[in-house]
């Protein structure tokens, strides 16, 4: 029986993206109009990405909100 992989939290991908473009979480949070704490919790996998935040990140990073 194949083993199921655990889902990867979107914060993991977002953290990798921030590293690639050398942008701090605080800078991104202020740019998209959210609090640094909220974004920090997303990056740590402790908070889900809301539809609103996904759309803000889409505009800021040029990645699809569904990604």
C-alpha atoms as a PDB file:
ATOM      1  CA  UNK A   1       0.000   0.000   0.000  1.00  0.00           C
ATOM      2  CA  UNK A   2       1.537   3.374  -0.977  1.00  0.00           C
ATOM      3  CA  UNK A   3       2.396   5.740   1.840  1.00  0.00           C
ATOM      4  CA  UNK A   4       0.653   9.088   1.829  1.00  0.00           C
ATOM      5  CA  UNK A   5       2.803  12.178   2.041  1.00  0.00           C
ATOM      6  CA  UNK A   6       1.860  14.832   4.529  1.00  0.00           C
ATOM      7  CA  UNK A   7       0.629  18.030   2.890  1.00  0.00           C
ATOM      8  CA  UNK A   8       3.116  20.879   2.772  1.00  0.00           C
ATOM      9  CA  UNK A   9       1.962  24.133   4.333  1.00  0.00           C
ATOM     10  CA  UNK A  10       1.972  27.116   1.920  1.00  0.00           C
ATOM     11  CA  UNK A  11       4.224  28.966   4.362  1.00  0.00           C
ATOM     12  CA  UNK A  12       7.043  26.612   3.414  1.00  0.00           C
ATOM     13  CA  UNK A  13       6.852  27.697  -0.221  1.00  0.00           C
ATOM     14  CA  UNK A  14       6.500  31.332   0.759  1.00  0.00           C
ATOM     15  CA  UNK A  15       9.570  31.136   3.002  1.00  0.00           C
ATOM     16  CA  UNK A  16      11.597  29.671   0.110  1.00  0.00           C
ATOM     17  CA  UNK A  17      10.387  32.427  -2.195  1.00  0.00           C
ATOM     18  CA  UNK A  18      11.415  35.127   0.274  1.00  0.00           C
ATOM     19  CA  UNK A  19      14.885  33.592   0.540  1.00  0.00           C
ATOM     20  CA  UNK A  20      15.240  33.494  -3.249  1.00  0.00           C
ATOM     21  CA  UNK A  21      14.362  37.165  -3.660  1.00  0.00           C
ATOM     22  CA  UNK A  22      16.199  38.286  -0.495  1.00  0.00           C
ATOM     23  CA  UNK A  23      13.136  39.923   1.032  1.00  0.00           C
ATOM     24  CA  UNK A  24      12.368  39.886   4.738  1.00  0.00           C
ATOM     25  CA  UNK A  25       9.029  38.727   6.071  1.00  0.00           C
ATOM     26  CA  UNK A  26       8.549  42.145   7.653  1.00  0.00           C
ATOM     27  CA  UNK A  27       9.118  43.924   4.338  1.00  0.00           C
ATOM     28  CA  UNK A  28       6.648  41.655   2.576  1.00  0.00           C
ATOM     29  CA  UNK A  29       4.050  41.985   5.330  1.00  0.00           C
ATOM     30  CA  UNK A  30       4.151  45.770   5.194  1.00  0.00           C
ATOM     31  CA  UNK A  31       4.071  45.721   1.380  1.00  0.00           C
ATOM     32  CA  UNK A  32       0.957  43.543   1.201  1.00  0.00           C
ATOM     33  CA  UNK A  33      -0.805  45.332   4.050  1.00  0.00           C
ATOM     34  CA  UNK A  34      -0.751  42.742   6.794  1.00  0.00           C
ATOM     35  CA  UNK A  35       1.004  42.538  10.125  1.00  0.00           C
ATOM     36  CA  UNK A  36       4.458  41.004  10.407  1.00  0.00           C
ATOM     37  CA  UNK A  37       3.104  38.698  13.141  1.00  0.00           C
ATOM     38  CA  UNK A  38       0.367  37.334  10.884  1.00  0.00           C
ATOM     39  CA  UNK A  39       2.832  36.636   8.092  1.00  0.00           C
ATOM     40  CA  UNK A  40       5.300  35.115  10.551  1.00  0.00           C
ATOM     41  CA  UNK A  41       2.647  32.657  11.729  1.00  0.00           C
ATOM     42  CA  UNK A  42       1.927  31.684   8.111  1.00  0.00           C
ATOM     43  CA  UNK A  43       5.638  31.169   7.430  1.00  0.00           C
ATOM     44  CA  UNK A  44       5.884  28.886  10.490  1.00  0.00           C
ATOM     45  CA  UNK A  45       2.853  26.866   9.402  1.00  0.00           C
ATOM     46  CA  UNK A  46       0.807  27.983  12.403  1.00  0.00           C
ATOM     47  CA  UNK A  47      -1.829  29.923  10.496  1.00  0.00           C
ATOM     48  CA  UNK A  48      -3.600  29.177   7.216  1.00  0.00           C
ATOM     49  CA  UNK A  49      -3.345  31.450   4.200  1.00  0.00           C
ATOM     50  CA  UNK A  50      -6.686  33.205   3.819  1.00  0.00           C
ATOM     51  CA  UNK A  51      -8.102  33.914   0.374  1.00  0.00           C
ATOM     52  CA  UNK A  52      -7.492  37.620   0.974  1.00  0.00           C
ATOM     53  CA  UNK A  53      -3.833  37.088   1.880  1.00  0.00           C
ATOM     54  CA  UNK A  54      -3.356  34.737  -1.079  1.00  0.00           C
ATOM     55  CA  UNK A  55      -4.602  37.436  -3.448  1.00  0.00           C
ATOM     56  CA  UNK A  56      -2.351  40.057  -1.833  1.00  0.00           C
ATOM     57  CA  UNK A  57       0.648  37.748  -2.194  1.00  0.00           C
ATOM     58  CA  UNK A  58      -0.306  37.043  -5.804  1.00  0.00           C
ATOM     59  CA  UNK A  59      -0.174  40.755  -6.617  1.00  0.00           C
ATOM     60  CA  UNK A  60       3.056  41.310  -4.694  1.00  0.00           C
ATOM     61  CA  UNK A  61       4.995  38.280  -5.903  1.00  0.00           C
ATOM     62  CA  UNK A  62       3.499  37.595  -9.311  1.00  0.00           C
ATOM     63  CA  UNK A  63       2.641  34.008  -8.368  1.00  0.00           C
ATOM     64  CA  UNK A  64      -0.809  32.547  -8.764  1.00  0.00           C
ATOM     65  CA  UNK A  65      -2.919  32.761  -5.609  1.00  0.00           C
ATOM     66  CA  UNK A  66      -3.784  29.090  -6.061  1.00  0.00           C
ATOM     67  CA  UNK A  67      -0.095  28.197  -5.934  1.00  0.00           C
END
